[in-house]
Amino acid sequence: MGMDFRNQMGNTTRFSNLIPVYTIRFAFWLLDESLTSSQLMACGLILSGVVLGQSRRRKAPLNAAQEAVE
């Protein structure tokens, strides 16, 4: 019935990790900034971290009632 806030927080965290990538992209596109190799490597590192974070399987967290029973 209610919203699943844990799921929403996970989605927010995922997209907040991409802020530096979008900042560099828009600076290049809108401000005609030059990209350095270290900036491109940093973007690759961030994107690979997001992909790894998405692909990792996690156990469903137990709520307090289930923990008390076990």
PDB file of N, CA and C in Angstrom:
ATOM      1  N   MET A   1       0.816  -1.180   0.000  1.00  0.00           N
ATOM      2  CA  MET A   1       0.000   0.000   0.000  1.00  0.00           C
ATOM      3  C   MET A   1       0.869   1.257   0.000  1.00  0.00           C
ATOM      4  N   GLY A   2       1.888   1.270   0.859  1.00  0.00           N
ATOM      5  CA  GLY A   2       2.785   2.421   0.907  1.00  0.00           C
ATOM      6  C   GLY A   2       3.893   2.301  -0.120  1.00  0.00           C
ATOM      7  N   MET A   3       4.642   3.362  -0.230  1.00  0.00           N
ATOM      8  CA  MET A   3       5.760   3.363  -1.174  1.00  0.00           C
ATOM      9  C   MET A   3       6.961   2.666  -0.544  1.00  0.00           C
ATOM     10  N   ASP A   4       7.752   2.052  -1.364  1.00  0.00           N
ATOM     11  CA  ASP A   4       8.968   1.400  -0.897  1.00  0.00           C
ATOM     12  C   ASP A   4      10.101   2.420  -0.955  1.00  0.00           C
ATOM     13  N   PHE A   5      10.386   3.056   0.200  1.00  0.00           N
ATOM     14  CA  PHE A   5      11.372   4.125   0.235  1.00  0.00           C
ATOM     15  C   PHE A   5      12.792   3.605   0.035  1.00  0.00           C
ATOM     16  N   ARG A   6      13.056   2.365   0.442  1.00  0.00           N
ATOM     17  CA  ARG A   6      14.400   1.817   0.236  1.00  0.00           C
ATOM     18  C   ARG A   6      14.723   1.705  -1.243  1.00  0.00           C
ATOM     19  N   ASN A   7      13.747   1.314  -2.034  1.00  0.00           N
ATOM     20  CA  ASN A   7      13.944   1.217  -3.472  1.00  0.00           C
ATOM     21  C   ASN A   7      14.171   2.601  -4.081  1.00  0.00           C
ATOM     22  N   GLN A   8      13.428   3.586  -3.628  1.00  0.00           N
ATOM     23  CA  GLN A   8      13.590   4.945  -4.138  1.00  0.00           C
ATOM     24  C   GLN A   8      14.948   5.512  -3.751  1.00  0.00           C
ATOM     25  N   MET A   9      15.417   5.220  -2.553  1.00  0.00           N
ATOM     26  CA  MET A   9      16.729   5.699  -2.133  1.00  0.00           C
ATOM     27  C   MET A   9      17.826   5.060  -2.967  1.00  0.00           C
ATOM     28  N   GLY A  10      17.667   3.805  -3.316  1.00  0.00           N
ATOM     29  CA  GLY A  10      18.639   3.134  -4.163  1.00  0.00           C
ATOM     30  C   GLY A  10      18.717   3.767  -5.535  1.00  0.00           C
ATOM     31  N   ASN A  11      17.569   4.120  -6.093  1.00  0.00           N
ATOM     32  CA  ASN A  11      17.558   4.782  -7.396  1.00  0.00           C
ATOM     33  C   ASN A  11      18.195   6.156  -7.324  1.00  0.00           C
ATOM     34  N   THR A  12      17.929   6.887  -6.257  1.00  0.00           N
ATOM     35  CA  THR A  12      18.517   8.215  -6.087  1.00  0.00           C
ATOM     36  C   THR A  12      20.026   8.122  -5.959  1.00  0.00           C
ATOM     37  N   THR A  13      20.512   7.167  -5.208  1.00  0.00           N
ATOM     38  CA  THR A  13      21.943   6.993  -5.028  1.00  0.00           C
ATOM     39  C   THR A  13      22.614   6.662  -6.345  1.00  0.00           C
ATOM     40  N   ARG A  14      21.996   5.810  -7.123  1.00  0.00           N
ATOM     41  CA  ARG A  14      22.542   5.438  -8.418  1.00  0.00           C
ATOM     42  C   ARG A  14      22.760   6.657  -9.297  1.00  0.00           C
ATOM     43  N   PHE A  15      21.765   7.513  -9.390  1.00  0.00           N
ATOM     44  CA  PHE A  15      21.861   8.668 -10.262  1.00  0.00           C
ATOM     45  C   PHE A  15      22.760   9.750  -9.681  1.00  0.00           C
ATOM     46  N   SER A  16      22.851   9.860  -8.381  1.00  0.00           N
ATOM     47  CA  SER A  16      23.734  10.868  -7.797  1.00  0.00           C
ATOM     48  C   SER A  16      25.194  10.533  -8.047  1.00  0.00           C
ATOM     49  N   ASN A  17      25.520   9.269  -8.229  1.00  0.00           N
ATOM     50  CA  ASN A  17      26.890   8.895  -8.558  1.00  0.00           C
ATOM     51  C   ASN A  17      27.284   9.338  -9.959  1.00  0.00           C
ATOM     52  N   LEU A  18      26.317   9.603 -10.811  1.00  0.00           N
ATOM     53  CA  LEU A  18      26.595  10.001 -12.190  1.00  0.00           C
ATOM     54  C   LEU A  18      26.709  11.517 -12.375  1.00  0.00           C
ATOM     55  N   ILE A  19      26.530  12.296 -11.324  1.00  0.00           N
ATOM     56  CA  ILE A  19      26.585  13.757 -11.438  1.00  0.00           C
ATOM     57  C   ILE A  19      27.924  14.243 -12.006  1.00  0.00           C
ATOM     58  N   PRO A  20      29.081  13.746 -11.539  1.00  0.00           N
ATOM     59  CA  PRO A  20      30.340  14.229 -12.139  1.00  0.00           C
ATOM     60  C   PRO A  20      30.462  13.917 -13.623  1.00  0.00           C
ATOM     61  N   VAL A  21      29.937  12.787 -14.050  1.00  0.00           N
ATOM     62  CA  VAL A  21      29.997  12.426 -15.471  1.00  0.00           C
ATOM     63  C   VAL A  21      29.181  13.410 -16.300  1.00  0.00           C
ATOM     64  N   TYR A  22      27.980  13.722 -15.842  1.00  0.00           N
ATOM     65  CA  TYR A  22      27.150  14.679 -16.568  1.00  0.00           C
ATOM     66  C   TYR A  22      27.741  16.080 -16.524  1.00  0.00           C
ATOM     67  N   THR A  23      28.361  16.457 -15.432  1.00  0.00           N
ATOM     68  CA  THR A  23      28.976  17.773 -15.329  1.00  0.00           C
ATOM     69  C   THR A  23      30.089  17.931 -16.359  1.00  0.00           C
ATOM     70  N   ILE A  24      30.939  16.924 -16.475  1.00  0.00           N
ATOM     71  CA  ILE A  24      32.024  16.976 -17.453  1.00  0.00           C
ATOM     72  C   ILE A  24      31.455  16.996 -18.875  1.00  0.00           C
ATOM     73  N   ARG A  25      30.436  16.202 -19.099  1.00  0.00           N
ATOM     74  CA  ARG A  25      29.820  16.140 -20.433  1.00  0.00           C
ATOM     75  C   ARG A  25      29.209  17.484 -20.836  1.00  0.00           C
ATOM     76  N   PHE A  26      28.474  18.110 -19.914  1.00  0.00           N
ATOM     77  CA  PHE A  26      27.854  19.395 -20.232  1.00  0.00           C
ATOM     78  C   PHE A  26      28.889  20.514 -20.335  1.00  0.00           C
ATOM     79  N   ALA A  27      29.962  20.459 -19.556  1.00  0.00           N
ATOM     80  CA  ALA A  27      31.027  21.457 -19.673  1.00  0.00           C
ATOM     81  C   ALA A  27      31.687  21.362 -21.044  1.00  0.00           C
ATOM     82  N   PHE A  28      31.887  20.149 -21.520  1.00  0.00           N
ATOM     83  CA  PHE A  28      32.466  19.956 -22.854  1.00  0.00           C
ATOM     84  C   PHE A  28      31.526  20.456 -23.942  1.00  0.00           C
ATOM     85  N   TRP A  29      30.250  20.130 -23.788  1.00  0.00           N
ATOM     86  CA  TRP A  29      29.263  20.434 -24.815  1.00  0.00           C
ATOM     87  C   TRP A  29      28.851  21.914 -24.802  1.00  0.00           C
ATOM     88  N   LEU A  30      28.518  22.457 -23.630  1.00  0.00           N
ATOM     89  CA  LEU A  30      27.986  23.823 -23.555  1.00  0.00           C
ATOM     90  C   LEU A  30      29.069  24.893 -23.457  1.00  0.00           C
ATOM     91  N   LEU A  31      30.145  24.602 -22.740  1.00  0.00           N
ATOM     92  CA  LEU A  31      31.165  25.615 -22.487  1.00  0.00           C
ATOM     93  C   LEU A  31      32.413  25.454 -23.344  1.00  0.00           C
ATOM     94  N   ASP A  32      32.400  24.462 -24.217  1.00  0.00           N
ATOM     95  CA  ASP A  32      33.551  24.168 -25.080  1.00  0.00           C
ATOM     96  C   ASP A  32      34.833  23.952 -24.281  1.00  0.00           C
ATOM     97  N   GLU A  33      34.705  23.288 -23.144  1.00  0.00           N
ATOM     98  CA  GLU A  33      35.872  22.939 -22.341  1.00  0.00           C
ATOM     99  C   GLU A  33      36.590  21.763 -22.988  1.00  0.00           C
ATOM    100  N   SER A  34      37.882  21.690 -22.777  1.00  0.00           N
ATOM    101  CA  SER A  34      38.629  20.546 -23.296  1.00  0.00           C
ATOM    102  C   SER A  34      38.618  19.429 -22.255  1.00  0.00           C
ATOM    103  N   LEU A  35      38.636  18.201 -22.734  1.00  0.00           N
ATOM    104  CA  LEU A  35      38.664  17.041 -21.851  1.00  0.00           C
ATOM    105  C   LEU A  35      40.086  16.512 -21.752  1.00  0.00           C
ATOM    106  N   THR A  36      40.507  16.231 -20.549  1.00  0.00           N
ATOM    107  CA  THR A  36      41.827  15.640 -20.356  1.00  0.00           C
ATOM    108  C   THR A  36      41.690  14.130 -20.203  1.00  0.00           C
ATOM    109  N   SER A  37      42.799  13.441 -20.338  1.00  0.00           N
ATOM    110  CA  SER A  37      42.755  11.984 -20.211  1.00  0.00           C
ATOM    111  C   SER A  37      42.375  11.566 -18.796  1.00  0.00           C
ATOM    112  N   SER A  38      42.782  12.342 -17.794  1.00  0.00           N
ATOM    113  CA  SER A  38      42.414  11.982 -16.416  1.00  0.00           C
ATOM    114  C   SER A  38      40.912  12.140 -16.185  1.00  0.00           C
ATOM    115  N   GLN A  39      40.285  13.115 -16.830  1.00  0.00           N
ATOM    116  CA  GLN A  39      38.837  13.275 -16.709  1.00  0.00           C
ATOM    117  C   GLN A  39      38.106  12.117 -17.372  1.00  0.00           C
ATOM    118  N   LEU A  40      38.594  11.692 -18.522  1.00  0.00           N
ATOM    119  CA  LEU A  40      37.975  10.559 -19.211  1.00  0.00           C
ATOM    120  C   LEU A  40      38.153   9.266 -18.413  1.00  0.00           C
ATOM    121  N   MET A  41      39.322   9.088 -17.815  1.00  0.00           N
ATOM    122  CA  MET A  41      39.537   7.902 -16.980  1.00  0.00           C
ATOM    123  C   MET A  41      38.645   7.934 -15.741  1.00  0.00           C
ATOM    124  N   ALA A  42      38.456   9.122 -15.171  1.00  0.00           N
ATOM    125  CA  ALA A  42      37.582   9.249 -14.003  1.00  0.00           C
ATOM    126  C   ALA A  42      36.143   8.910 -14.367  1.00  0.00           C
ATOM    127  N   CYS A  43      35.694   9.359 -15.548  1.00  0.00           N
ATOM    128  CA  CYS A  43      34.341   9.019 -15.999  1.00  0.00           C
ATOM    129  C   CYS A  43      34.201   7.515 -16.183  1.00  0.00           C
ATOM    130  N   GLY A  44      35.215   6.890 -16.754  1.00  0.00           N
ATOM    131  CA  GLY A  44      35.183   5.434 -16.919  1.00  0.00           C
ATOM    132  C   GLY A  44      35.149   4.715 -15.592  1.00  0.00           C
ATOM    133  N   LEU A  45      35.900   5.216 -14.622  1.00  0.00           N
ATOM    134  CA  LEU A  45      35.909   4.612 -13.285  1.00  0.00           C
ATOM    135  C   LEU A  45      34.553   4.747 -12.613  1.00  0.00           C
ATOM    136  N   ILE A  46      33.940   5.904 -12.738  1.00  0.00           N
ATOM    137  CA  ILE A  46      32.613   6.126 -12.148  1.00  0.00           C
ATOM    138  C   ILE A  46      31.578   5.218 -12.808  1.00  0.00           C
ATOM    139  N   LEU A  47      31.587   5.171 -14.140  1.00  0.00           N
ATOM    140  CA  LEU A  47      30.617   4.336 -14.848  1.00  0.00           C
ATOM    141  C   LEU A  47      30.803   2.861 -14.526  1.00  0.00           C
ATOM    142  N   SER A  48      32.059   2.412 -14.420  1.00  0.00           N
ATOM    143  CA  SER A  48      32.272   1.005 -14.076  1.00  0.00           C
ATOM    144  C   SER A  48      31.819   0.712 -12.646  1.00  0.00           C
ATOM    145  N   GLY A  49      31.986   1.664 -11.752  1.00  0.00           N
ATOM    146  CA  GLY A  49      31.493   1.478 -10.383  1.00  0.00           C
ATOM    147  C   GLY A  49      29.978   1.383 -10.318  1.00  0.00           C
ATOM    148  N   VAL A  50      29.307   2.195 -11.111  1.00  0.00           N
ATOM    149  CA  VAL A  50      27.840   2.139 -11.152  1.00  0.00           C
ATOM    150  C   VAL A  50      27.384   0.808 -11.739  1.00  0.00           C
ATOM    151  N   VAL A  51      28.040   0.358 -12.801  1.00  0.00           N
ATOM    152  CA  VAL A  51      27.672  -0.917 -13.419  1.00  0.00           C
ATOM    153  C   VAL A  51      27.918  -2.073 -12.446  1.00  0.00           C
ATOM    154  N   LEU A  52      29.062  -2.058 -11.764  1.00  0.00           N
ATOM    155  CA  LEU A  52      29.341  -3.119 -10.787  1.00  0.00           C
ATOM    156  C   LEU A  52      28.336  -3.092  -9.641  1.00  0.00           C
ATOM    157  N   GLY A  53      27.976  -1.903  -9.204  1.00  0.00           N
ATOM    158  CA  GLY A  53      26.980  -1.783  -8.132  1.00  0.00           C
ATOM    159  C   GLY A  53      25.619  -2.294  -8.543  1.00  0.00           C
ATOM    160  N   GLN A  54      25.283  -2.139  -9.814  1.00  0.00           N
ATOM    161  CA  GLN A  54      24.005  -2.620 -10.318  1.00  0.00           C
ATOM    162  C   GLN A  54      23.991  -4.130 -10.493  1.00  0.00           C
ATOM    163  N   SER A  55      25.123  -4.699 -10.861  1.00  0.00           N
ATOM    164  CA  SER A  55      25.144  -6.123 -11.190  1.00  0.00           C
ATOM    165  C   SER A  55      25.292  -7.014  -9.967  1.00  0.00           C
ATOM    166  N   ARG A  56      25.731  -6.458  -8.856  1.00  0.00           N
ATOM    167  CA  ARG A  56      25.929  -7.262  -7.655  1.00  0.00           C
ATOM    168  C   ARG A  56      24.589  -7.645  -7.047  1.00  0.00           C
ATOM    169  N   ARG A  57      24.431  -8.921  -6.760  1.00  0.00           N
ATOM    170  CA  ARG A  57      23.179  -9.392  -6.150  1.00  0.00           C
ATOM    171  C   ARG A  57      23.255  -9.191  -4.644  1.00  0.00           C
ATOM    172  N   ARG A  58      22.166  -8.734  -4.089  1.00  0.00           N
ATOM    173  CA  ARG A  58      22.109  -8.473  -2.652  1.00  0.00           C
ATOM    174  C   ARG A  58      21.006  -9.314  -2.033  1.00  0.00           C
ATOM    175  N   LYS A  59      21.249  -9.734  -0.800  1.00  0.00           N
ATOM    176  CA  LYS A  59      20.198 -10.425  -0.064  1.00  0.00           C
ATOM    177  C   LYS A  59      19.143  -9.416   0.355  1.00  0.00           C
ATOM    178  N   ALA A  60      17.913  -9.849   0.361  1.00  0.00           N
ATOM    179  CA  ALA A  60      16.843  -8.972   0.812  1.00  0.00           C
ATOM    180  C   ALA A  60      17.011  -8.736   2.308  1.00  0.00           C
ATOM    181  N   PRO A  61      16.952  -7.485   2.756  1.00  0.00           N
ATOM    182  CA  PRO A  61      17.112  -7.209   4.177  1.00  0.00           C
ATOM    183  C   PRO A  61      15.933  -7.751   4.979  1.00  0.00           C
ATOM    184  N   LEU A  62      16.240  -8.227   6.156  1.00  0.00           N
ATOM    185  CA  LEU A  62      15.193  -8.718   7.050  1.00  0.00           C
ATOM    186  C   LEU A  62      14.624  -7.565   7.840  1.00  0.00           C
ATOM    187  N   ASN A  63      13.336  -7.591   8.048  1.00  0.00           N
ATOM    188  CA  ASN A  63      12.783  -6.558   8.899  1.00  0.00           C
ATOM    189  C   ASN A  63      12.867  -6.994  10.366  1.00  0.00           C
ATOM    190  N   ALA A  64      12.551  -6.136  11.282  1.00  0.00           N
ATOM    191  CA  ALA A  64      12.744  -6.405  12.703  1.00  0.00           C
ATOM    192  C   ALA A  64      11.934  -7.610  13.180  1.00  0.00           C
ATOM    193  N   ALA A  65      10.736  -7.829  12.643  1.00  0.00           N
ATOM    194  CA  ALA A  65       9.893  -8.952  13.065  1.00  0.00           C
ATOM    195  C   ALA A  65      10.519 -10.277  12.643  1.00  0.00           C
ATOM    196  N   GLN A  66      11.078 -10.345  11.447  1.00  0.00           N
ATOM    197  CA  GLN A  66      11.715 -11.579  10.992  1.00  0.00           C
ATOM    198  C   GLN A  66      12.994 -11.867  11.780  1.00  0.00           C
ATOM    199  N   GLU A  67      13.728 -10.819  12.141  1.00  0.00           N
ATOM    200  CA  GLU A  67      14.948 -11.007  12.925  1.00  0.00           C
ATOM    201  C   GLU A  67      14.628 -11.531  14.325  1.00  0.00           C
ATOM    202  N   ALA A  68      13.518 -11.082  14.894  1.00  0.00           N
ATOM    203  CA  ALA A  68      13.144 -11.511  16.240  1.00  0.00           C
ATOM    204  C   ALA A  68      12.758 -12.995  16.260  1.00  0.00           C
ATOM    205  N   VAL A  69      12.162 -13.472  15.178  1.00  0.00           N
ATOM    206  CA  VAL A  69      11.744 -14.871  15.098  1.00  0.00           C
ATOM    207  C   VAL A  69      12.955 -15.773  14.962  1.00  0.00           C
ATOM    208  N   GLU A  70      13.939 -15.349  14.220  1.00  0.00           N
ATOM    209  CA  GLU A  70      15.107 -16.186  13.961  1.00  0.00           C
ATOM    210  C   GLU A  70      16.054 -16.117  15.063  1.00  0.00           C
TER     211      GLU A  70
END
